[in-house]
N, C-alpha and C. Protein backbone atom coordinates (compact mmCIF):
# COMPACT_ATOMS: atom_id res chain seq x y z
N MET A 1 1.63 -90.11 15.89
CA MET A 1 0.65 -91.88 15.23
C MET A 1 0.05 -91.29 14.65
N SER A 2 0.79 -91.95 13.34
CA SER A 2 -0.36 -92.38 11.76
C SER A 2 -1.90 -93.35 12.40
N GLY A 3 -2.85 -93.07 12.15
CA GLY A 3 -3.89 -93.75 11.87
C GLY A 3 -3.93 -94.83 10.90
N GLY A 4 -3.28 -94.45 9.68
CA GLY A 4 -3.13 -94.81 8.26
C GLY A 4 -4.28 -95.21 7.20
N SER A 5 -5.67 -95.14 8.27
CA SER A 5 -7.08 -94.84 7.91
C SER A 5 -8.09 -93.95 8.24
N GLY A 6 -9.14 -93.33 8.19
CA GLY A 6 -9.53 -92.33 8.14
C GLY A 6 -9.58 -91.51 7.56
N PRO A 7 -10.30 -90.45 8.53
CA PRO A 7 -9.95 -88.71 8.02
C PRO A 7 -8.92 -87.88 8.79
N ARG A 8 -8.26 -86.80 7.48
CA ARG A 8 -7.25 -86.42 8.22
C ARG A 8 -7.46 -85.14 9.20
N ARG A 9 -6.53 -84.89 9.91
CA ARG A 9 -7.15 -83.77 11.09
C ARG A 9 -6.43 -82.90 11.30
N VAL A 10 -6.65 -81.74 11.51
CA VAL A 10 -5.36 -80.39 11.50
C VAL A 10 -6.09 -79.91 12.56
N VAL A 11 -4.97 -79.64 13.74
CA VAL A 11 -5.41 -78.47 14.83
C VAL A 11 -5.09 -77.48 15.12
N VAL A 12 -5.33 -76.16 14.94
CA VAL A 12 -4.88 -74.61 15.44
C VAL A 12 -4.33 -74.32 16.43
N LEU A 13 -3.18 -73.80 16.36
CA LEU A 13 -3.50 -73.73 18.30
C LEU A 13 -2.42 -72.46 18.17
N ARG A 14 -3.46 -71.19 19.49
CA ARG A 14 -2.75 -70.18 19.33
C ARG A 14 -1.69 -70.37 21.13
N HIS A 15 -1.13 -69.37 20.22
CA HIS A 15 0.76 -69.45 21.14
C HIS A 15 -0.17 -69.18 22.61
N GLY A 16 0.44 -69.14 23.98
CA GLY A 16 0.88 -68.99 24.96
C GLY A 16 0.46 -67.28 24.98
N GLU A 17 0.27 -66.60 26.49
CA GLU A 17 0.42 -65.03 27.08
C GLU A 17 1.01 -64.84 26.09
N THR A 18 2.10 -63.71 26.00
CA THR A 18 2.65 -63.14 25.93
C THR A 18 2.77 -61.83 26.66
N THR A 19 4.45 -61.16 27.21
CA THR A 19 3.83 -60.02 27.74
C THR A 19 3.55 -59.14 27.00
N HIS A 20 3.63 -58.97 25.76
CA HIS A 20 2.64 -57.89 25.34
C HIS A 20 1.22 -58.22 25.42
N ASN A 21 1.02 -59.48 25.12
CA ASN A 21 -0.65 -59.42 25.16
C ASN A 21 -1.12 -59.28 26.92
N ALA A 22 -0.77 -59.43 28.09
CA ALA A 22 -0.56 -58.70 29.39
C ALA A 22 -0.84 -57.74 29.25
N ALA A 23 -0.26 -56.94 28.37
CA ALA A 23 0.23 -55.03 28.88
C ALA A 23 -0.79 -54.60 27.79
N GLY A 24 -1.60 -55.50 27.48
CA GLY A 24 -2.32 -55.30 26.44
C GLY A 24 -2.00 -53.98 24.98
N ILE A 25 -1.21 -54.78 24.75
CA ILE A 25 -0.11 -54.13 23.23
C ILE A 25 0.14 -54.61 22.52
N TRP A 26 -0.11 -54.18 20.82
CA TRP A 26 -0.37 -54.44 19.79
C TRP A 26 0.50 -55.08 19.38
N GLN A 27 1.57 -55.87 19.42
CA GLN A 27 2.40 -57.56 18.61
C GLN A 27 2.38 -57.78 17.65
N GLY A 28 1.63 -58.62 16.73
CA GLY A 28 2.35 -57.99 15.69
C GLY A 28 3.29 -59.13 15.47
N GLN A 29 3.88 -58.60 14.31
CA GLN A 29 5.15 -59.42 13.97
C GLN A 29 6.42 -59.69 15.40
N LEU A 30 5.92 -58.00 16.33
CA LEU A 30 6.91 -58.07 17.06
C LEU A 30 7.52 -59.12 17.99
N ASP A 31 8.80 -59.75 18.18
CA ASP A 31 8.99 -61.15 18.57
C ASP A 31 9.01 -61.21 20.09
N SER A 32 7.53 -60.82 20.58
CA SER A 32 7.41 -60.74 21.98
C SER A 32 8.01 -63.02 22.78
N PRO A 33 7.93 -62.46 24.13
CA PRO A 33 8.24 -63.39 24.88
C PRO A 33 6.93 -63.59 25.23
N LEU A 34 6.77 -65.38 25.52
CA LEU A 34 6.13 -66.31 26.52
C LEU A 34 5.93 -64.96 27.68
N SER A 35 4.95 -64.88 28.48
CA SER A 35 4.78 -64.55 30.02
C SER A 35 5.13 -65.93 31.13
N ALA A 36 5.12 -65.40 32.37
CA ALA A 36 4.59 -66.24 32.94
C ALA A 36 3.38 -67.58 32.39
N LEU A 37 2.88 -66.83 32.74
CA LEU A 37 1.18 -67.60 32.92
C LEU A 37 1.26 -68.37 31.33
N GLY A 38 1.83 -68.07 30.33
CA GLY A 38 2.03 -67.71 28.77
C GLY A 38 2.74 -69.51 28.94
N GLU A 39 4.48 -69.90 30.44
CA GLU A 39 4.38 -70.85 29.82
C GLU A 39 3.93 -71.28 30.39
N ARG A 40 3.47 -71.08 31.71
CA ARG A 40 2.06 -72.56 32.08
C ARG A 40 0.88 -72.96 31.53
N GLN A 41 0.42 -71.66 30.73
CA GLN A 41 -0.38 -72.34 29.60
C GLN A 41 0.12 -73.20 28.36
N ALA A 42 1.35 -72.75 28.32
CA ALA A 42 1.76 -73.62 26.92
C ALA A 42 2.42 -75.00 27.57
N ALA A 43 2.52 -75.03 28.84
CA ALA A 43 2.97 -76.77 29.86
C ALA A 43 1.94 -77.72 29.34
N ALA A 44 0.64 -76.76 29.59
CA ALA A 44 -0.57 -77.74 29.82
C ALA A 44 -1.28 -77.92 29.07
N ALA A 45 -0.71 -77.41 27.63
CA ALA A 45 -1.06 -78.09 26.61
C ALA A 45 -0.91 -78.09 25.76
N GLY A 46 0.41 -79.00 25.98
CA GLY A 46 1.46 -79.54 25.15
C GLY A 46 0.85 -80.92 25.18
N PRO A 47 0.60 -82.07 26.66
CA PRO A 47 0.26 -83.17 26.39
C PRO A 47 -0.80 -83.00 26.14
N ALA A 48 -2.13 -81.72 26.33
CA ALA A 48 -3.19 -82.30 26.10
C ALA A 48 -3.82 -82.60 24.29
N VAL A 49 -2.89 -81.57 23.66
CA VAL A 49 -2.71 -80.87 22.58
C VAL A 49 -1.85 -82.50 21.62
N ALA A 50 -1.25 -83.01 22.49
CA ALA A 50 -0.39 -83.92 21.91
C ALA A 50 -0.82 -85.45 21.90
N ALA A 51 -2.35 -85.29 23.66
CA ALA A 51 -3.47 -86.27 23.14
C ALA A 51 -4.26 -86.64 22.16
N LEU A 52 -4.10 -85.63 20.63
CA LEU A 52 -4.96 -86.11 19.50
C LEU A 52 -3.73 -86.46 18.30
N GLY A 53 -2.71 -87.15 18.89
CA GLY A 53 -2.80 -87.82 18.11
C GLY A 53 -1.83 -87.11 16.69
N PRO A 54 -0.96 -85.78 17.16
CA PRO A 54 -0.11 -85.17 16.19
C PRO A 54 0.91 -86.11 15.53
N VAL A 55 1.21 -86.21 13.71
CA VAL A 55 2.44 -86.35 13.81
C VAL A 55 3.95 -85.43 13.35
N ARG A 56 3.47 -84.10 13.63
CA ARG A 56 4.17 -83.01 13.08
C ARG A 56 3.44 -82.64 14.11
N VAL A 57 4.02 -80.82 14.00
CA VAL A 57 4.45 -79.94 14.40
C VAL A 57 4.68 -78.24 13.66
N VAL A 58 4.22 -77.69 13.28
CA VAL A 58 4.60 -77.20 12.38
C VAL A 58 4.10 -75.56 13.07
N THR A 59 4.80 -74.71 12.65
CA THR A 59 5.13 -73.13 14.23
C THR A 59 5.07 -72.13 12.90
N SER A 60 5.38 -70.98 13.72
CA SER A 60 5.28 -70.16 13.11
C SER A 60 6.95 -69.59 14.11
N ASP A 61 7.34 -69.08 13.44
CA ASP A 61 8.92 -68.58 13.88
C ASP A 61 9.42 -67.37 14.57
N LEU A 62 8.47 -67.62 15.47
CA LEU A 62 8.13 -66.44 16.34
C LEU A 62 8.46 -66.84 17.50
N GLN A 63 8.68 -66.60 18.72
CA GLN A 63 9.25 -67.53 19.49
C GLN A 63 8.17 -68.13 20.26
N ARG A 64 6.88 -67.34 20.53
CA ARG A 64 5.48 -67.49 21.78
C ARG A 64 4.97 -68.37 20.65
N ALA A 65 5.25 -68.73 19.35
CA ALA A 65 4.46 -69.34 19.14
C ALA A 65 5.15 -70.96 19.26
N ARG A 66 6.61 -70.38 19.11
CA ARG A 66 7.99 -72.06 18.84
C ARG A 66 7.66 -72.07 19.49
N ARG A 67 7.53 -72.01 21.29
CA ARG A 67 7.75 -72.53 22.82
C ARG A 67 6.45 -73.55 23.21
N THR A 68 5.37 -72.50 22.36
CA THR A 68 4.28 -73.45 22.38
C THR A 68 4.12 -74.34 21.95
N GLY A 69 4.47 -74.51 20.21
CA GLY A 69 4.21 -75.53 19.60
C GLY A 69 5.69 -76.70 19.81
N GLU A 70 6.78 -76.58 20.42
CA GLU A 70 7.86 -77.01 20.82
C GLU A 70 6.86 -77.61 22.59
N ALA A 71 6.39 -77.66 23.18
CA ALA A 71 5.68 -77.73 24.60
C ALA A 71 4.73 -79.04 23.90
N VAL A 72 4.03 -78.80 22.50
CA VAL A 72 3.35 -80.24 22.11
C VAL A 72 3.70 -81.13 21.59
N ALA A 73 5.31 -80.89 20.43
CA ALA A 73 6.41 -81.79 19.83
C ALA A 73 6.69 -82.69 20.73
N SER A 74 6.80 -81.56 22.77
CA SER A 74 8.25 -82.74 23.10
C SER A 74 6.95 -83.92 23.82
N ALA A 75 5.49 -83.16 24.19
CA ALA A 75 4.57 -83.78 24.21
C ALA A 75 4.68 -85.33 23.41
N ALA A 76 4.60 -84.73 22.24
CA ALA A 76 4.26 -86.18 21.78
C ALA A 76 5.19 -87.02 20.76
N GLY A 77 6.40 -86.26 21.01
CA GLY A 77 7.88 -87.13 20.39
C GLY A 77 7.15 -87.12 19.13
N VAL A 78 7.40 -85.78 18.30
CA VAL A 78 6.98 -86.03 16.95
C VAL A 78 7.93 -84.96 16.38
N PRO A 79 8.21 -84.41 14.86
CA PRO A 79 9.20 -82.74 15.13
C PRO A 79 8.76 -82.25 14.88
N LEU A 80 8.94 -80.60 14.95
CA LEU A 80 8.69 -79.56 15.32
C LEU A 80 9.24 -79.21 13.61
N VAL A 81 8.92 -78.54 12.72
CA VAL A 81 8.89 -77.62 11.89
C VAL A 81 8.99 -76.11 11.58
N GLU A 82 9.01 -74.85 11.56
CA GLU A 82 9.45 -73.53 11.24
C GLU A 82 8.98 -73.04 10.07
N ASP A 83 7.81 -72.74 9.96
CA ASP A 83 7.57 -72.25 8.44
C ASP A 83 7.00 -70.03 8.95
N ALA A 84 7.81 -69.65 8.76
CA ALA A 84 6.95 -68.21 9.08
C ALA A 84 5.98 -67.66 8.10
N ARG A 85 5.64 -68.46 7.27
CA ARG A 85 4.47 -67.65 6.53
C ARG A 85 3.60 -67.91 7.59
N LEU A 86 3.46 -68.79 8.98
CA LEU A 86 2.57 -68.47 9.94
C LEU A 86 3.01 -67.54 11.10
N ARG A 87 3.51 -67.18 10.62
CA ARG A 87 3.27 -65.89 11.67
C ARG A 87 2.68 -64.43 11.37
N GLU A 88 1.97 -64.64 12.75
CA GLU A 88 0.87 -62.99 13.34
C GLU A 88 1.01 -61.80 11.85
N ILE A 89 -0.51 -61.26 11.50
CA ILE A 89 -0.70 -60.36 10.86
C ILE A 89 0.78 -59.00 10.89
N HIS A 90 1.30 -58.72 10.30
CA HIS A 90 1.73 -57.58 10.30
C HIS A 90 1.09 -56.50 10.59
N ALA A 91 0.99 -55.48 12.14
CA ALA A 91 0.50 -54.63 12.94
C ALA A 91 1.22 -53.36 12.20
N GLY A 92 1.97 -52.97 11.30
CA GLY A 92 2.25 -52.27 10.41
C GLY A 92 2.54 -50.96 11.68
N GLY A 93 2.02 -49.28 11.92
CA GLY A 93 2.67 -48.50 13.10
C GLY A 93 2.11 -48.41 14.48
N TRP A 94 0.92 -49.81 14.79
CA TRP A 94 0.61 -50.05 15.80
C TRP A 94 1.39 -51.64 16.50
N GLN A 95 2.16 -52.45 15.74
CA GLN A 95 2.81 -52.30 16.60
C GLN A 95 3.91 -51.40 18.20
N GLY A 96 3.94 -52.34 18.64
CA GLY A 96 4.45 -51.68 20.35
C GLY A 96 3.52 -50.84 21.14
N LEU A 97 2.09 -50.28 20.07
CA LEU A 97 1.68 -49.24 20.80
C LEU A 97 -0.18 -50.04 21.59
N THR A 98 -0.34 -49.47 22.40
CA THR A 98 -1.39 -50.23 23.47
C THR A 98 -3.38 -49.94 22.62
N ASN A 99 -3.93 -50.65 22.85
CA ASN A 99 -4.79 -50.51 22.51
C ASN A 99 -5.91 -49.10 22.90
N ASP A 100 -5.17 -48.16 23.54
CA ASP A 100 -5.72 -47.57 23.63
C ASP A 100 -4.93 -45.78 23.12
N GLU A 101 -3.73 -46.19 22.37
CA GLU A 101 -2.81 -45.25 22.38
C GLU A 101 -3.45 -46.08 19.91
N VAL A 102 -3.61 -47.05 19.62
CA VAL A 102 -3.82 -47.22 18.22
C VAL A 102 -5.71 -46.29 18.27
N LEU A 103 -6.49 -46.45 18.54
CA LEU A 103 -7.64 -45.29 19.37
C LEU A 103 -7.35 -43.83 18.93
N ALA A 104 -6.18 -43.48 19.80
CA ALA A 104 -6.31 -42.05 19.18
C ALA A 104 -5.28 -41.54 18.59
N GLY A 105 -4.57 -42.59 17.49
CA GLY A 105 -4.18 -42.19 16.56
C GLY A 105 -4.44 -42.58 14.56
N TRP A 106 -5.74 -43.71 15.28
CA TRP A 106 -5.96 -43.88 13.95
C TRP A 106 -7.42 -44.17 14.52
N PRO A 107 -8.13 -43.26 14.53
CA PRO A 107 -10.07 -44.24 15.34
C PRO A 107 -10.60 -44.51 14.09
N GLU A 108 -10.30 -43.78 12.92
CA GLU A 108 -11.03 -44.46 11.60
C GLU A 108 -11.16 -46.19 11.45
N GLU A 109 -9.36 -46.21 11.02
CA GLU A 109 -9.03 -47.38 10.77
C GLU A 109 -9.13 -48.66 12.07
N ARG A 110 -8.97 -48.27 13.40
CA ARG A 110 -9.35 -49.18 14.18
C ARG A 110 -11.22 -50.00 13.86
N ALA A 111 -11.92 -48.26 13.98
CA ALA A 111 -13.31 -48.49 13.89
C ALA A 111 -13.78 -49.88 12.52
N ALA A 112 -12.72 -49.40 11.61
CA ALA A 112 -13.27 -50.29 10.13
C ALA A 112 -12.60 -52.05 11.01
N VAL A 113 -11.54 -51.67 11.60
CA VAL A 113 -10.99 -52.97 11.75
C VAL A 113 -12.28 -53.93 12.85
N LEU A 114 -13.03 -53.14 13.63
CA LEU A 114 -13.77 -53.69 14.67
C LEU A 114 -15.13 -53.85 14.03
N ARG A 115 -15.37 -53.89 12.77
CA ARG A 115 -16.32 -54.03 11.63
C ARG A 115 -16.29 -54.52 11.23
N GLY A 116 -14.72 -55.26 10.47
CA GLY A 116 -14.63 -56.52 10.39
C GLY A 116 -14.22 -56.29 8.40
N GLU A 117 -13.81 -54.83 8.28
CA GLU A 117 -13.43 -54.50 7.53
C GLU A 117 -11.84 -54.78 6.93
N ASP A 118 -11.92 -55.64 6.19
CA ASP A 118 -10.07 -55.67 5.77
C ASP A 118 -8.93 -54.41 5.51
N VAL A 119 -8.73 -53.48 6.33
CA VAL A 119 -8.42 -52.57 5.75
C VAL A 119 -6.39 -53.22 5.87
N PRO A 120 -5.38 -52.26 5.66
CA PRO A 120 -3.75 -52.63 6.03
C PRO A 120 -3.71 -52.26 8.08
N ARG A 121 -2.73 -53.14 8.46
CA ARG A 121 -3.47 -52.27 10.01
C ARG A 121 -2.03 -51.78 9.72
N GLY A 122 -2.31 -50.36 11.04
CA GLY A 122 -1.32 -49.35 10.98
C GLY A 122 -0.90 -48.25 9.59
N GLY A 123 -1.32 -48.57 8.93
CA GLY A 123 -1.49 -47.68 7.95
C GLY A 123 -0.37 -48.41 6.39
N ASP A 124 0.67 -49.09 7.34
CA ASP A 124 1.99 -49.67 6.38
C ASP A 124 1.51 -51.06 6.47
N GLY A 125 0.66 -51.79 7.38
CA GLY A 125 0.73 -52.93 7.52
C GLY A 125 0.09 -53.96 6.85
N GLU A 126 -0.13 -55.37 6.75
CA GLU A 126 -0.71 -56.24 6.13
C GLU A 126 -2.55 -56.52 5.92
N THR A 127 -2.87 -56.94 5.18
CA THR A 127 -4.76 -56.88 5.51
C THR A 127 -4.77 -58.59 5.46
N MET A 128 -5.75 -58.55 6.25
CA MET A 128 -6.05 -60.35 6.37
C MET A 128 -6.36 -60.73 4.64
N ALA A 129 -6.35 -60.36 4.27
CA ALA A 129 -6.30 -61.04 2.60
C ALA A 129 -4.21 -61.42 2.45
N ASP A 130 -4.02 -60.75 2.85
CA ASP A 130 -1.77 -60.88 2.39
C ASP A 130 -2.09 -62.30 3.46
N VAL A 131 -2.10 -62.59 4.70
CA VAL A 131 -1.66 -63.17 5.92
C VAL A 131 -2.63 -64.68 5.04
N VAL A 132 -4.22 -64.57 4.11
CA VAL A 132 -4.86 -65.46 4.37
C VAL A 132 -3.66 -66.09 2.88
N ALA A 133 -3.47 -65.28 1.85
CA ALA A 133 -2.54 -65.64 1.00
C ALA A 133 -1.85 -67.01 1.64
N ARG A 134 -0.72 -65.75 2.00
CA ARG A 134 0.47 -66.53 2.63
C ARG A 134 0.81 -68.03 3.48
N VAL A 135 -0.72 -68.29 4.66
CA VAL A 135 -0.79 -68.80 5.18
C VAL A 135 -1.64 -70.15 4.50
N ALA A 136 -2.95 -69.90 3.91
CA ALA A 136 -3.44 -70.68 2.51
C ALA A 136 -2.34 -71.50 1.96
N GLU A 137 -0.82 -70.74 1.47
CA GLU A 137 0.15 -71.52 0.95
C GLU A 137 0.52 -72.12 1.60
N ALA A 138 0.98 -72.06 2.81
CA ALA A 138 1.79 -73.33 3.55
C ALA A 138 0.92 -74.49 3.98
N VAL A 139 -0.47 -73.75 4.22
CA VAL A 139 -1.01 -75.81 4.96
C VAL A 139 -1.25 -75.82 3.85
N ALA A 140 -1.53 -75.52 2.27
CA ALA A 140 -2.02 -76.13 1.51
C ALA A 140 -0.59 -77.20 1.05
N GLU A 141 0.69 -76.74 1.45
CA GLU A 141 2.19 -77.25 0.72
C GLU A 141 2.00 -79.06 2.34
N HIS A 142 1.61 -78.38 3.42
CA HIS A 142 1.95 -79.32 4.36
C HIS A 142 0.97 -80.35 3.89
N LEU A 143 -0.13 -80.12 3.91
CA LEU A 143 -1.45 -81.26 4.13
C LEU A 143 -0.34 -82.27 2.75
N GLU A 144 -0.09 -81.36 1.73
CA GLU A 144 0.72 -82.55 0.25
C GLU A 144 1.14 -83.50 2.13
N ASP A 145 1.58 -83.55 1.88
CA ASP A 145 2.92 -84.72 3.68
C ASP A 145 1.78 -85.54 4.59
N LEU A 146 0.42 -84.88 4.23
CA LEU A 146 -0.30 -85.47 5.12
C LEU A 146 -0.64 -86.26 5.48
N GLY A 147 -0.96 -87.50 5.43
CA GLY A 147 -1.76 -89.22 5.15
C GLY A 147 -3.26 -89.12 5.50
N ALA A 148 -3.71 -90.43 4.96
CA ALA A 148 -5.19 -90.52 5.60
C ALA A 148 -4.89 -90.76 7.08
N GLY A 149 -5.73 -90.44 7.39
CA GLY A 149 -5.97 -90.70 9.14
C GLY A 149 -4.92 -89.86 10.67
N GLU A 150 -3.66 -89.04 9.96
CA GLU A 150 -2.86 -88.58 10.44
C GLU A 150 -3.72 -86.68 11.01
N CYS A 151 -3.01 -86.39 11.51
CA CYS A 151 -3.12 -85.49 12.33
C CYS A 151 -1.63 -84.25 12.43
N LEU A 152 -2.15 -83.08 11.79
CA LEU A 152 -1.07 -81.93 11.85
C LEU A 152 -1.45 -81.02 12.97
N VAL A 153 -0.49 -80.51 13.60
CA VAL A 153 -0.95 -79.14 14.36
C VAL A 153 -0.15 -78.00 13.87
N LEU A 154 -1.16 -77.08 13.94
CA LEU A 154 -0.36 -75.25 13.72
C LEU A 154 -0.24 -74.11 14.46
N SER A 155 0.91 -74.10 14.98
CA SER A 155 1.22 -73.17 16.71
C SER A 155 1.13 -71.87 16.20
N THR A 156 0.83 -71.21 16.02
CA THR A 156 0.38 -69.70 15.21
C THR A 156 -0.13 -68.88 16.19
N HIS A 157 -0.71 -68.00 15.94
CA HIS A 157 -0.93 -66.56 16.23
C HIS A 157 -3.08 -66.54 16.22
N GLY A 158 -3.37 -65.34 16.55
CA GLY A 158 -4.83 -65.56 16.32
C GLY A 158 -5.69 -64.96 15.67
N ALA A 159 -4.55 -64.35 14.78
CA ALA A 159 -4.89 -63.34 13.12
C ALA A 159 -5.13 -64.58 12.45
N ALA A 160 -3.47 -65.18 11.88
CA ALA A 160 -3.81 -65.98 11.08
C ALA A 160 -3.89 -67.32 11.47
N GLY A 161 -4.28 -67.81 12.75
CA GLY A 161 -4.85 -68.85 13.02
C GLY A 161 -6.48 -68.89 12.39
N ARG A 162 -7.47 -67.50 13.03
CA ARG A 162 -8.51 -67.95 12.04
C ARG A 162 -8.04 -67.87 10.51
N ALA A 163 -7.03 -66.56 10.04
CA ALA A 163 -7.08 -67.33 8.21
C ALA A 163 -7.05 -68.59 8.00
N ALA A 164 -5.93 -69.34 9.13
CA ALA A 164 -6.26 -70.74 8.33
C ALA A 164 -7.61 -71.65 8.29
N VAL A 165 -7.96 -71.45 9.38
CA VAL A 165 -9.08 -72.18 9.57
C VAL A 165 -10.16 -71.74 8.67
N GLY A 166 -10.30 -70.26 8.95
CA GLY A 166 -11.40 -69.82 7.14
C GLY A 166 -11.41 -70.51 6.35
N TRP A 167 -9.98 -70.28 6.03
CA TRP A 167 -9.27 -71.26 4.52
C TRP A 167 -10.14 -72.54 4.24
N LEU A 168 -9.36 -73.45 5.45
CA LEU A 168 -9.42 -74.86 5.22
C LEU A 168 -11.34 -75.00 5.00
N LEU A 169 -12.18 -73.83 5.52
CA LEU A 169 -13.95 -74.12 5.67
C LEU A 169 -14.00 -73.74 4.27
N GLY A 170 -13.93 -72.54 3.51
CA GLY A 170 -14.20 -72.22 3.17
C GLY A 170 -15.03 -70.30 2.62
N LEU A 171 -14.52 -70.26 3.98
CA LEU A 171 -15.35 -68.56 4.22
C LEU A 171 -14.42 -67.95 3.79
N ASP A 172 -15.22 -66.52 3.79
CA ASP A 172 -14.61 -65.48 3.06
C ASP A 172 -13.53 -64.43 4.43
N GLN A 173 -13.54 -63.90 4.41
CA GLN A 173 -13.08 -63.92 6.05
C GLN A 173 -13.98 -62.76 6.93
N PRO A 174 -14.72 -61.59 5.91
CA PRO A 174 -15.40 -61.49 6.94
C PRO A 174 -16.55 -61.68 7.63
N THR A 175 -17.09 -63.78 6.88
CA THR A 175 -17.44 -64.03 7.74
C THR A 175 -16.92 -65.29 8.81
N ALA A 176 -15.76 -65.51 8.21
CA ALA A 176 -14.40 -65.68 9.72
C ALA A 176 -14.58 -64.99 11.06
N TRP A 177 -14.47 -63.68 10.74
CA TRP A 177 -14.48 -62.87 11.51
C TRP A 177 -15.89 -62.80 12.81
N ARG A 178 -17.22 -62.84 11.36
CA ARG A 178 -17.98 -62.59 12.38
C ARG A 178 -18.39 -64.34 13.21
N VAL A 179 -17.94 -65.01 12.62
CA VAL A 179 -18.13 -66.19 12.96
C VAL A 179 -17.81 -67.23 14.07
N LEU A 180 -16.49 -67.02 13.71
CA LEU A 180 -15.77 -67.70 15.00
C LEU A 180 -15.42 -66.94 15.68
N GLY A 181 -15.14 -65.64 15.55
CA GLY A 181 -14.29 -65.02 16.80
C GLY A 181 -12.87 -64.92 16.82
N ALA A 182 -12.90 -64.52 18.38
CA ALA A 182 -11.72 -64.26 18.55
C ALA A 182 -10.88 -66.06 19.65
N LEU A 183 -9.45 -66.50 18.93
CA LEU A 183 -9.22 -67.77 19.66
C LEU A 183 -8.39 -66.63 20.86
N GLY A 184 -8.77 -67.79 21.87
CA GLY A 184 -7.35 -67.40 22.80
C GLY A 184 -6.22 -67.75 23.04
N ASN A 185 -5.26 -67.19 24.06
CA ASN A 185 -4.54 -67.76 24.50
C ASN A 185 -4.66 -68.87 24.76
N CYS A 186 -3.44 -70.00 23.86
CA CYS A 186 -3.39 -71.06 24.22
C CYS A 186 -4.29 -71.58 23.68
N CYS A 187 -5.63 -71.51 23.17
CA CYS A 187 -6.66 -71.84 22.07
C CYS A 187 -6.73 -72.73 21.15
N TRP A 188 -7.62 -73.92 20.73
CA TRP A 188 -6.73 -74.44 19.58
C TRP A 188 -8.21 -74.83 19.39
N GLY A 189 -7.91 -74.73 17.99
CA GLY A 189 -9.22 -75.61 17.21
C GLY A 189 -9.02 -76.77 16.41
N GLU A 190 -9.70 -77.81 16.07
CA GLU A 190 -9.46 -78.91 15.11
C GLU A 190 -10.82 -79.22 14.32
N LEU A 191 -9.58 -79.75 13.20
CA LEU A 191 -10.69 -79.31 11.64
C LEU A 191 -10.64 -80.87 11.33
N VAL A 192 -11.65 -80.65 11.10
CA VAL A 192 -11.51 -82.90 10.31
C VAL A 192 -11.85 -83.02 8.75
N GLU A 193 -11.32 -83.28 7.53
CA GLU A 193 -11.83 -83.31 6.35
C GLU A 193 -12.48 -84.29 5.79
N GLY A 194 -13.38 -84.19 5.57
CA GLY A 194 -15.23 -84.92 4.78
C GLY A 194 -15.20 -85.36 3.72
N ARG A 195 -15.61 -85.61 3.46
CA ARG A 195 -15.94 -86.08 1.76
C ARG A 195 -16.61 -84.66 0.77
N GLU A 196 -16.96 -83.92 1.70
CA GLU A 196 -16.78 -82.14 0.63
C GLU A 196 -16.05 -81.24 1.07
N GLY A 197 -15.20 -81.59 2.12
CA GLY A 197 -13.94 -80.12 2.82
C GLY A 197 -14.38 -80.74 4.08
N TRP A 198 -13.58 -79.77 4.78
CA TRP A 198 -13.23 -79.45 6.82
C TRP A 198 -14.22 -78.91 7.11
N ARG A 199 -14.49 -79.94 8.20
CA ARG A 199 -15.25 -78.62 9.19
C ARG A 199 -14.79 -78.59 10.37
N LEU A 200 -15.06 -78.13 11.65
CA LEU A 200 -14.87 -77.87 11.87
C LEU A 200 -16.02 -77.97 13.21
N ARG A 201 -14.38 -78.97 13.87
CA ARG A 201 -14.89 -80.34 15.77
C ARG A 201 -15.00 -78.99 16.55
N THR A 202 -14.68 -78.81 16.36
CA THR A 202 -14.08 -77.94 18.55
C THR A 202 -13.02 -76.38 18.19
N TRP A 203 -13.21 -75.85 19.08
CA TRP A 203 -13.50 -74.72 18.23
C TRP A 203 -12.88 -74.01 20.25
N ASN A 204 -11.86 -72.89 20.27
CA ASN A 204 -11.75 -72.28 21.27
C ASN A 204 -11.75 -74.04 22.64
N THR A 205 -10.99 -75.01 22.13
CA THR A 205 -10.40 -75.70 23.93
C THR A 205 -9.68 -75.18 24.46
N SER A 206 -9.47 -75.35 25.19
CA SER A 206 -7.65 -75.58 25.91
C SER A 206 -7.70 -76.25 27.31
N ALA A 207 -6.75 -75.79 27.92
CA ALA A 207 -6.30 -76.92 28.76
C ALA A 207 -6.94 -76.18 30.06
N GLY A 208 -7.59 -75.30 29.52
CA GLY A 208 -8.28 -74.92 31.66
C GLY A 208 -7.59 -73.73 31.99
N LEU A 209 -6.51 -73.10 31.69
CA LEU A 209 -5.88 -72.01 33.00
C LEU A 209 -5.49 -70.56 31.41
N THR A 210 -6.65 -71.00 30.84
CA THR A 210 -7.22 -69.87 29.77
C THR A 210 -8.46 -69.29 29.56
N ALA A 211 -8.68 -67.87 29.07
CA ALA A 211 -10.34 -68.14 28.30
C ALA A 211 -10.57 -66.93 27.44
N PRO A 212 -10.58 -67.13 26.30
CA PRO A 212 -11.04 -65.99 25.33
C PRO A 212 -10.88 -64.93 25.61
N ASP A 213 -9.97 -63.93 25.21
CA ASP A 213 -10.49 -62.27 25.16
C ASP A 213 -10.51 -61.65 23.77
N PRO A 214 -11.98 -61.37 23.24
CA PRO A 214 -12.14 -61.00 21.91
C PRO A 214 -11.51 -59.14 21.95
N THR A 215 -11.62 -58.85 23.28
CA THR A 215 -10.72 -57.41 22.68
C THR A 215 -9.15 -57.44 22.87
N MET A 216 -8.25 -58.08 22.90
CA MET A 216 -6.99 -58.33 22.64
C MET A 216 -7.01 -58.14 21.74
N PRO A 217 -5.77 -56.86 21.72
CA PRO A 217 -5.11 -56.80 20.15
C PRO A 217 -3.83 -58.65 19.30
N PRO A 218 -4.09 -58.52 18.73
CA PRO A 218 -2.62 -59.50 17.92
C PRO A 218 -1.59 -59.87 18.10
């Protein structure tokens, strides 16, 4: 529902737990499904996020984000729009591997990522700069249609969600990585637009079925 006046808001929602999340596997842009817990998380988050009054939900086309976004759109009675630019970071050769396998095969690259350095994931994957560029393009376009007092939900992924929030707040990615940290499965952050730009109102809010896990690969 549109408020017609007041500040615009953006809610950045990470998908529910997937089968790969549960197994500690790097999924990146692999299209892994929600786990049974993830389905329950999405079902609980749907009405909780719908209560924030979104006018539409824009989702990554990967099924884990789409299923989570569908729960919100259905509860709110608003349109669901797919945008592949909201996909998770492409993790290159790390996709489909466990964290231990990544550490064994790419110890220096994995250590660099943990330090917040922006190196290509898995040798031939994306950098966070790549993710910021495509996510920012998508968010900017969708904001063009967002009126005063309206709320937009972005159903996306961990790294992509942090990229969107960091861009809206005007943070460089090393700062966003250090200050924001991980966004838990089916957790969300709400941003409000002010005179001087966007500010973060909440971060890692959930419907009670999840907790942030900063060690979990994307």
